Amino acid sequence: MSSVFKKYRTTRRNVLLLAQAIINVYGKIAWQDYASDSAYPDQHSLNLNEIKGSPEKLERFRSEFTHQMYDNVINDDMQRLEQYI
């Protein structure tokens, strides 16, 4: 585990690093939408190619997952990925 916590801004590059780090740690990008009135929450998922290829999906990912930049495990993985770019 990295000893330094790096503060990332939500630039497009950093958001894509975040997406890759989440996939590396959790194996997928998925979430449940509890805002709907249905008895069961709506299931959503995105893959990295969808996020890269669509500004709307990039923005949706950014709004749903930016807070995970501050998770220590994700942050460490983002730093590791940054070294390979």
PDB file of N, CA and C in Angstrom:
ATOM      1  N   MET A   1       0.836  -1.180   0.000  1.00  0.00           N
ATOM      2  CA  MET A   1       0.000   0.000   0.000  1.00  0.00           C
ATOM      3  C   MET A   1       0.880   1.241   0.000  1.00  0.00           C
ATOM      4  N   SER A   2       0.503   2.196  -0.772  1.00  0.00           N
ATOM      5  CA  SER A   2       1.265   3.435  -0.877  1.00  0.00           C
ATOM      6  C   SER A   2       1.201   4.208   0.433  1.00  0.00           C
ATOM      7  N   SER A   3       2.287   4.847   0.804  1.00  0.00           N
ATOM      8  CA  SER A   3       2.302   5.595   2.052  1.00  0.00           C
ATOM      9  C   SER A   3       1.785   7.018   1.885  1.00  0.00           C
ATOM     10  N   VAL A   4       1.630   7.467   0.647  1.00  0.00           N
ATOM     11  CA  VAL A   4       1.192   8.831   0.381  1.00  0.00           C
ATOM     12  C   VAL A   4      -0.178   8.803  -0.282  1.00  0.00           C
ATOM     13  N   PHE A   5      -1.104   9.616   0.233  1.00  0.00           N
ATOM     14  CA  PHE A   5      -2.419   9.737  -0.380  1.00  0.00           C
ATOM     15  C   PHE A   5      -2.356  10.893  -1.355  1.00  0.00           C
ATOM     16  N   LYS A   6      -2.686  10.640  -2.610  1.00  0.00           N
ATOM     17  CA  LYS A   6      -2.614  11.673  -3.637  1.00  0.00           C
ATOM     18  C   LYS A   6      -4.000  12.240  -3.890  1.00  0.00           C
ATOM     19  N   LYS A   7      -4.106  13.550  -3.902  1.00  0.00           N
ATOM     20  CA  LYS A   7      -5.393  14.193  -4.187  1.00  0.00           C
ATOM     21  C   LYS A   7      -5.501  14.445  -5.681  1.00  0.00           C
ATOM     22  N   TYR A   8      -6.497  13.804  -6.296  1.00  0.00           N
ATOM     23  CA  TYR A   8      -6.728  13.930  -7.735  1.00  0.00           C
ATOM     24  C   TYR A   8      -7.843  14.938  -8.002  1.00  0.00           C
ATOM     25  N   ARG A   9      -7.679  15.725  -9.061  1.00  0.00           N
ATOM     26  CA  ARG A   9      -8.777  16.553  -9.561  1.00  0.00           C
ATOM     27  C   ARG A   9      -9.576  15.701 -10.536  1.00  0.00           C
ATOM     28  N   THR A  10     -10.798  16.091 -10.823  1.00  0.00           N
ATOM     29  CA  THR A  10     -11.640  15.272 -11.691  1.00  0.00           C
ATOM     30  C   THR A  10     -11.482  15.646 -13.163  1.00  0.00           C
ATOM     31  N   THR A  11     -10.247  15.616 -13.636  1.00  0.00           N
ATOM     32  CA  THR A  11      -9.992  15.786 -15.065  1.00  0.00           C
ATOM     33  C   THR A  11     -10.417  14.510 -15.786  1.00  0.00           C
ATOM     34  N   ARG A  12     -10.570  14.577 -17.097  1.00  0.00           N
ATOM     35  CA  ARG A  12     -10.971  13.393 -17.869  1.00  0.00           C
ATOM     36  C   ARG A  12      -9.969  12.260 -17.669  1.00  0.00           C
ATOM     37  N   ARG A  13      -8.693  12.573 -17.702  1.00  0.00           N
ATOM     38  CA  ARG A  13      -7.646  11.568 -17.524  1.00  0.00           C
ATOM     39  C   ARG A  13      -7.766  10.885 -16.163  1.00  0.00           C
ATOM     40  N   ASN A  14      -7.960  11.696 -15.113  1.00  0.00           N
ATOM     41  CA  ASN A  14      -8.064  11.124 -13.771  1.00  0.00           C
ATOM     42  C   ASN A  14      -9.346  10.318 -13.582  1.00  0.00           C
ATOM     43  N   VAL A  15     -10.429  10.744 -14.228  1.00  0.00           N
ATOM     44  CA  VAL A  15     -11.678   9.983 -14.150  1.00  0.00           C
ATOM     45  C   VAL A  15     -11.508   8.628 -14.834  1.00  0.00           C
ATOM     46  N   LEU A  16     -10.780   8.590 -15.950  1.00  0.00           N
ATOM     47  CA  LEU A  16     -10.518   7.313 -16.613  1.00  0.00           C
ATOM     48  C   LEU A  16      -9.596   6.430 -15.760  1.00  0.00           C
ATOM     49  N   LEU A  17      -8.628   7.039 -15.078  1.00  0.00           N
ATOM     50  CA  LEU A  17      -7.799   6.282 -14.130  1.00  0.00           C
ATOM     51  C   LEU A  17      -8.667   5.702 -13.020  1.00  0.00           C
ATOM     52  N   LEU A  18      -9.603   6.516 -12.529  1.00  0.00           N
ATOM     53  CA  LEU A  18     -10.513   6.056 -11.483  1.00  0.00           C
ATOM     54  C   LEU A  18     -11.333   4.867 -11.974  1.00  0.00           C
ATOM     55  N   ALA A  19     -11.876   4.966 -13.181  1.00  0.00           N
ATOM     56  CA  ALA A  19     -12.669   3.864 -13.734  1.00  0.00           C
ATOM     57  C   ALA A  19     -11.835   2.588 -13.822  1.00  0.00           C
ATOM     58  N   GLN A  20     -10.614   2.702 -14.318  1.00  0.00           N
ATOM     59  CA  GLN A  20      -9.756   1.523 -14.425  1.00  0.00           C
ATOM     60  C   GLN A  20      -9.412   0.964 -13.051  1.00  0.00           C
ATOM     61  N   ALA A  21      -9.165   1.842 -12.082  1.00  0.00           N
ATOM     62  CA  ALA A  21      -8.845   1.386 -10.728  1.00  0.00           C
ATOM     63  C   ALA A  21     -10.030   0.654 -10.104  1.00  0.00           C
ATOM     64  N   ILE A  22     -11.236   1.158 -10.301  1.00  0.00           N
ATOM     65  CA  ILE A  22     -12.425   0.490  -9.758  1.00  0.00           C
ATOM     66  C   ILE A  22     -12.585  -0.890 -10.393  1.00  0.00           C
ATOM     67  N   ILE A  23     -12.377  -0.985 -11.695  1.00  0.00           N
ATOM     68  CA  ILE A  23     -12.452  -2.286 -12.373  1.00  0.00           C
ATOM     69  C   ILE A  23     -11.383  -3.225 -11.829  1.00  0.00           C
ATOM     70  N   ASN A  24     -10.171  -2.712 -11.620  1.00  0.00           N
ATOM     71  CA  ASN A  24      -9.088  -3.547 -11.096  1.00  0.00           C
ATOM     72  C   ASN A  24      -9.399  -4.068  -9.696  1.00  0.00           C
ATOM     73  N   VAL A  25     -10.015  -3.235  -8.862  1.00  0.00           N
ATOM     74  CA  VAL A  25     -10.279  -3.622  -7.473  1.00  0.00           C
ATOM     75  C   VAL A  25     -11.549  -4.469  -7.357  1.00  0.00           C
ATOM     76  N   TYR A  26     -12.634  -4.044  -8.013  1.00  0.00           N
ATOM     77  CA  TYR A  26     -13.923  -4.710  -7.845  1.00  0.00           C
ATOM     78  C   TYR A  26     -14.308  -5.632  -8.994  1.00  0.00           C
ATOM     79  N   GLY A  27     -13.590  -5.555 -10.111  1.00  0.00           N
ATOM     80  CA  GLY A  27     -13.883  -6.410 -11.244  1.00  0.00           C
ATOM     81  C   GLY A  27     -14.952  -5.872 -12.175  1.00  0.00           C
ATOM     82  N   LYS A  28     -15.658  -4.829 -11.777  1.00  0.00           N
ATOM     83  CA  LYS A  28     -16.696  -4.230 -12.613  1.00  0.00           C
ATOM     84  C   LYS A  28     -17.077  -2.868 -12.052  1.00  0.00           C
ATOM     85  N   ILE A  29     -17.815  -2.112 -12.858  1.00  0.00           N
ATOM     86  CA  ILE A  29     -18.390  -0.844 -12.410  1.00  0.00           C
ATOM     87  C   ILE A  29     -19.898  -1.042 -12.423  1.00  0.00           C
ATOM     88  N   ALA A  30     -20.476  -1.113 -11.253  1.00  0.00           N
ATOM     89  CA  ALA A  30     -21.914  -1.342 -11.152  1.00  0.00           C
ATOM     90  C   ALA A  30     -22.457  -0.598  -9.942  1.00  0.00           C
ATOM     91  N   TRP A  31     -23.699  -0.184 -10.052  1.00  0.00           N
ATOM     92  CA  TRP A  31     -24.344   0.480  -8.929  1.00  0.00           C
ATOM     93  C   TRP A  31     -25.847   0.293  -9.020  1.00  0.00           C
ATOM     94  N   GLN A  32     -26.525   0.575  -7.910  1.00  0.00           N
ATOM     95  CA  GLN A  32     -27.977   0.465  -7.854  1.00  0.00           C
ATOM     96  C   GLN A  32     -28.563   1.857  -7.700  1.00  0.00           C
ATOM     97  N   ASP A  33     -29.645   2.118  -8.420  1.00  0.00           N
ATOM     98  CA  ASP A  33     -30.303   3.408  -8.370  1.00  0.00           C
ATOM     99  C   ASP A  33     -31.508   3.307  -7.440  1.00  0.00           C
ATOM    100  N   TYR A  34     -31.357   3.875  -6.262  1.00  0.00           N
ATOM    101  CA  TYR A  34     -32.438   3.825  -5.274  1.00  0.00           C
ATOM    102  C   TYR A  34     -33.406   4.996  -5.423  1.00  0.00           C
ATOM    103  N   ALA A  35     -33.180   5.868  -6.392  1.00  0.00           N
ATOM    104  CA  ALA A  35     -34.023   7.050  -6.569  1.00  0.00           C
ATOM    105  C   ALA A  35     -35.368   6.725  -7.207  1.00  0.00           C
ATOM    106  N   SER A  36     -35.468   5.595  -7.871  1.00  0.00           N
ATOM    107  CA  SER A  36     -36.736   5.254  -8.525  1.00  0.00           C
ATOM    108  C   SER A  36     -37.752   4.782  -7.487  1.00  0.00           C
ATOM    109  N   ASP A  37     -39.017   4.766  -7.875  1.00  0.00           N
ATOM    110  CA  ASP A  37     -40.089   4.350  -6.961  1.00  0.00           C
ATOM    111  C   ASP A  37     -40.359   2.852  -7.000  1.00  0.00           C
ATOM    112  N   SER A  38     -39.581   2.119  -7.770  1.00  0.00           N
ATOM    113  CA  SER A  38     -39.835   0.679  -7.879  1.00  0.00           C
ATOM    114  C   SER A  38     -39.428  -0.043  -6.590  1.00  0.00           C
ATOM    115  N   ALA A  39     -40.027  -1.207  -6.396  1.00  0.00           N
ATOM    116  CA  ALA A  39     -39.734  -1.992  -5.183  1.00  0.00           C
ATOM    117  C   ALA A  39     -38.287  -2.461  -5.145  1.00  0.00           C
ATOM    118  N   TYR A  40     -37.708  -2.683  -6.324  1.00  0.00           N
ATOM    119  CA  TYR A  40     -36.319  -3.123  -6.412  1.00  0.00           C
ATOM    120  C   TYR A  40     -35.514  -2.043  -7.138  1.00  0.00           C
ATOM    121  N   PRO A  41     -34.342  -1.711  -6.613  1.00  0.00           N
ATOM    122  CA  PRO A  41     -33.554  -0.655  -7.266  1.00  0.00           C
ATOM    123  C   PRO A  41     -33.096  -1.061  -8.662  1.00  0.00           C
ATOM    124  N   ASP A  42     -33.011  -0.073  -9.546  1.00  0.00           N
ATOM    125  CA  ASP A  42     -32.518  -0.320 -10.904  1.00  0.00           C
ATOM    126  C   ASP A  42     -31.027  -0.626 -10.849  1.00  0.00           C
ATOM    127  N   GLN A  43     -30.606  -1.630 -11.617  1.00  0.00           N
ATOM    128  CA  GLN A  43     -29.202  -2.022 -11.692  1.00  0.00           C
ATOM    129  C   GLN A  43     -28.560  -1.334 -12.899  1.00  0.00           C
ATOM    130  N   HIS A  44     -27.408  -0.764 -12.701  1.00  0.00           N
ATOM    131  CA  HIS A  44     -26.683  -0.113 -13.784  1.00  0.00           C
ATOM    132  C   HIS A  44     -25.250  -0.620 -13.805  1.00  0.00           C
ATOM    133  N   SER A  45     -24.639  -0.608 -14.977  1.00  0.00           N
ATOM    134  CA  SER A  45     -23.220  -0.939 -15.079  1.00  0.00           C
ATOM    135  C   SER A  45     -22.640  -0.250 -16.301  1.00  0.00           C
ATOM    136  N   LEU A  46     -21.354  -0.021 -16.262  1.00  0.00           N
ATOM    137  CA  LEU A  46     -20.622   0.581 -17.371  1.00  0.00           C
ATOM    138  C   LEU A  46     -19.316  -0.168 -17.531  1.00  0.00           C
ATOM    139  N   ASN A  47     -18.810  -0.202 -18.757  1.00  0.00           N
ATOM    140  CA  ASN A  47     -17.453  -0.715 -18.935  1.00  0.00           C
ATOM    141  C   ASN A  47     -16.556   0.446 -19.366  1.00  0.00           C
ATOM    142  N   LEU A  48     -15.271   0.231 -19.373  1.00  0.00           N
ATOM    143  CA  LEU A  48     -14.314   1.298 -19.650  1.00  0.00           C
ATOM    144  C   LEU A  48     -14.482   1.859 -21.062  1.00  0.00           C
ATOM    145  N   ASN A  49     -14.767   1.012 -22.039  1.00  0.00           N
ATOM    146  CA  ASN A  49     -14.946   1.489 -23.417  1.00  0.00           C
ATOM    147  C   ASN A  49     -16.165   2.399 -23.541  1.00  0.00           C
ATOM    148  N   GLU A  50     -17.247   2.076 -22.821  1.00  0.00           N
ATOM    149  CA  GLU A  50     -18.431   2.940 -22.833  1.00  0.00           C
ATOM    150  C   GLU A  50     -18.112   4.309 -22.242  1.00  0.00           C
ATOM    151  N   ILE A  51     -17.357   4.320 -21.167  1.00  0.00           N
ATOM    152  CA  ILE A  51     -17.007   5.578 -20.515  1.00  0.00           C
ATOM    153  C   ILE A  51     -16.098   6.413 -21.417  1.00  0.00           C
ATOM    154  N   LYS A  52     -15.124   5.765 -22.061  1.00  0.00           N
ATOM    155  CA  LYS A  52     -14.216   6.480 -22.963  1.00  0.00           C
ATOM    156  C   LYS A  52     -14.939   7.016 -24.193  1.00  0.00           C
ATOM    157  N   GLY A  53     -15.940   6.288 -24.683  1.00  0.00           N
ATOM    158  CA  GLY A  53     -16.559   6.611 -25.953  1.00  0.00           C
ATOM    159  C   GLY A  53     -17.744   7.559 -25.900  1.00  0.00           C
ATOM    160  N   SER A  54     -18.230   7.867 -24.712  1.00  0.00           N
ATOM    161  CA  SER A  54     -19.440   8.684 -24.616  1.00  0.00           C
ATOM    162  C   SER A  54     -19.292   9.753 -23.537  1.00  0.00           C
ATOM    163  N   PRO A  55     -19.347  11.025 -23.919  1.00  0.00           N
ATOM    164  CA  PRO A  55     -19.260  12.101 -22.917  1.00  0.00           C
ATOM    165  C   PRO A  55     -20.366  12.014 -21.862  1.00  0.00           C
ATOM    166  N   GLU A  56     -21.568  11.566 -22.270  1.00  0.00           N
ATOM    167  CA  GLU A  56     -22.675  11.449 -21.317  1.00  0.00           C
ATOM    168  C   GLU A  56     -22.388  10.361 -20.281  1.00  0.00           C
ATOM    169  N   LYS A  57     -21.848   9.246 -20.744  1.00  0.00           N
ATOM    170  CA  LYS A  57     -21.536   8.153 -19.812  1.00  0.00           C
ATOM    171  C   LYS A  57     -20.338   8.501 -18.932  1.00  0.00           C
ATOM    172  N   LEU A  58     -19.381   9.238 -19.475  1.00  0.00           N
ATOM    173  CA  LEU A  58     -18.253   9.715 -18.667  1.00  0.00           C
ATOM    174  C   LEU A  58     -18.777  10.605 -17.542  1.00  0.00           C
ATOM    175  N   GLU A  59     -19.689  11.505 -17.875  1.00  0.00           N
ATOM    176  CA  GLU A  59     -20.252  12.410 -16.858  1.00  0.00           C
ATOM    177  C   GLU A  59     -21.080  11.652 -15.830  1.00  0.00           C
ATOM    178  N   ARG A  60     -21.844  10.649 -16.292  1.00  0.00           N
ATOM    179  CA  ARG A  60     -22.623   9.827 -15.350  1.00  0.00           C
ATOM    180  C   ARG A  60     -21.698   9.089 -14.394  1.00  0.00           C
ATOM    181  N   PHE A  61     -20.626   8.505 -14.935  1.00  0.00           N
ATOM    182  CA  PHE A  61     -19.647   7.821 -14.094  1.00  0.00           C
ATOM    183  C   PHE A  61     -19.028   8.806 -13.103  1.00  0.00           C
ATOM    184  N   ARG A  62     -18.643   9.979 -13.596  1.00  0.00           N
ATOM    185  CA  ARG A  62     -18.020  10.984 -12.729  1.00  0.00           C
ATOM    186  C   ARG A  62     -18.955  11.358 -11.575  1.00  0.00           C
ATOM    187  N   SER A  63     -20.231  11.564 -11.869  1.00  0.00           N
ATOM    188  CA  SER A  63     -21.159  11.968 -10.814  1.00  0.00           C
ATOM    189  C   SER A  63     -21.424  10.851  -9.806  1.00  0.00           C
ATOM    190  N   GLU A  64     -21.390   9.603 -10.266  1.00  0.00           N
ATOM    191  CA  GLU A  64     -21.666   8.472  -9.379  1.00  0.00           C
ATOM    192  C   GLU A  64     -20.461   8.033  -8.542  1.00  0.00           C
ATOM    193  N   PHE A  65     -19.240   8.187  -9.097  1.00  0.00           N
ATOM    194  CA  PHE A  65     -18.093   7.516  -8.487  1.00  0.00           C
ATOM    195  C   PHE A  65     -16.925   8.406  -8.072  1.00  0.00           C
ATOM    196  N   THR A  66     -17.014   9.714  -8.281  1.00  0.00           N
ATOM    197  CA  THR A  66     -15.888  10.580  -7.939  1.00  0.00           C
ATOM    198  C   THR A  66     -15.481  10.449  -6.472  1.00  0.00           C
ATOM    199  N   HIS A  67     -16.451  10.237  -5.583  1.00  0.00           N
ATOM    200  CA  HIS A  67     -16.131  10.102  -4.152  1.00  0.00           C
ATOM    201  C   HIS A  67     -15.172   8.938  -3.897  1.00  0.00           C
ATOM    202  N   GLN A  68     -15.127   7.957  -4.802  1.00  0.00           N
ATOM    203  CA  GLN A  68     -14.229   6.820  -4.582  1.00  0.00           C
ATOM    204  C   GLN A  68     -12.765   7.165  -4.823  1.00  0.00           C
ATOM    205  N   MET A  69     -12.493   8.354  -5.386  1.00  0.00           N
ATOM    206  CA  MET A  69     -11.099   8.801  -5.496  1.00  0.00           C
ATOM    207  C   MET A  69     -10.460   8.901  -4.116  1.00  0.00           C
ATOM    208  N   TYR A  70     -11.296   9.044  -3.081  1.00  0.00           N
ATOM    209  CA  TYR A  70     -10.784   9.246  -1.726  1.00  0.00           C
ATOM    210  C   TYR A  70     -10.725   7.959  -0.921  1.00  0.00           C
ATOM    211  N   ASP A  71     -10.991   6.836  -1.563  1.00  0.00           N
ATOM    212  CA  ASP A  71     -10.816   5.528  -0.944  1.00  0.00           C
ATOM    213  C   ASP A  71      -9.336   5.160  -1.059  1.00  0.00           C
ATOM    214  N   ASN A  72      -8.731   4.746   0.035  1.00  0.00           N
ATOM    215  CA  ASN A  72      -7.286   4.467   0.043  1.00  0.00           C
ATOM    216  C   ASN A  72      -6.870   3.390  -0.951  1.00  0.00           C
ATOM    217  N   VAL A  73      -7.646   2.309  -1.042  1.00  0.00           N
ATOM    218  CA  VAL A  73      -7.283   1.210  -1.946  1.00  0.00           C
ATOM    219  C   VAL A  73      -7.370   1.672  -3.397  1.00  0.00           C
ATOM    220  N   ILE A  74      -8.448   2.388  -3.732  1.00  0.00           N
ATOM    221  CA  ILE A  74      -8.616   2.906  -5.094  1.00  0.00           C
ATOM    222  C   ILE A  74      -7.519   3.916  -5.404  1.00  0.00           C
ATOM    223  N   ASN A  75      -7.228   4.790  -4.447  1.00  0.00           N
ATOM    224  CA  ASN A  75      -6.199   5.814  -4.653  1.00  0.00           C
ATOM    225  C   ASN A  75      -4.838   5.166  -4.926  1.00  0.00           C
ATOM    226  N   ASP A  76      -4.520   4.120  -4.188  1.00  0.00           N
ATOM    227  CA  ASP A  76      -3.249   3.410  -4.408  1.00  0.00           C
ATOM    228  C   ASP A  76      -3.210   2.799  -5.800  1.00  0.00           C
ATOM    229  N   ASP A  77      -4.336   2.221  -6.226  1.00  0.00           N
ATOM    230  CA  ASP A  77      -4.386   1.612  -7.553  1.00  0.00           C
ATOM    231  C   ASP A  77      -4.272   2.675  -8.642  1.00  0.00           C
ATOM    232  N   MET A  78      -4.887   3.839  -8.435  1.00  0.00           N
ATOM    233  CA  MET A  78      -4.766   4.939  -9.397  1.00  0.00           C
ATOM    234  C   MET A  78      -3.311   5.381  -9.521  1.00  0.00           C
ATOM    235  N   GLN A  79      -2.613   5.463  -8.389  1.00  0.00           N
ATOM    236  CA  GLN A  79      -1.196   5.861  -8.436  1.00  0.00           C
ATOM    237  C   GLN A  79      -0.356   4.823  -9.187  1.00  0.00           C
ATOM    238  N   ARG A  80      -0.674   3.553  -8.962  1.00  0.00           N
ATOM    239  CA  ARG A  80       0.054   2.495  -9.658  1.00  0.00           C
ATOM    240  C   ARG A  80      -0.187   2.577 -11.171  1.00  0.00           C
ATOM    241  N   LEU A  81      -1.451   2.778 -11.563  1.00  0.00           N
ATOM    242  CA  LEU A  81      -1.788   2.891 -12.981  1.00  0.00           C
ATOM    243  C   LEU A  81      -1.137   4.119 -13.619  1.00  0.00           C
ATOM    244  N   GLU A  82      -1.044   5.185 -12.876  1.00  0.00           N
ATOM    245  CA  GLU A  82      -0.465   6.431 -13.378  1.00  0.00           C
ATOM    246  C   GLU A  82       0.984   6.240 -13.832  1.00  0.00           C
ATOM    247  N   GLN A  83       1.691   5.326 -13.203  1.00  0.00           N
ATOM    248  CA  GLN A  83       3.086   5.070 -13.547  1.00  0.00           C
ATOM    249  C   GLN A  83       3.244   4.439 -14.933  1.00  0.00           C
ATOM    250  N   TYR A  84       2.176   3.786 -15.422  1.00  0.00           N
ATOM    251  CA  TYR A  84       2.242   3.088 -16.703  1.00  0.00           C
ATOM    252  C   TYR A  84       1.768   3.938 -17.869  1.00  0.00           C
ATOM    253  N   ILE A  85       1.292   5.137 -17.592  1.00  0.00           N
ATOM    254  CA  ILE A  85       0.779   6.007 -18.663  1.00  0.00           C
ATOM    255  C   ILE A  85       1.900   6.835 -19.243  1.00  0.00           C
TER     256      ILE A  85
END
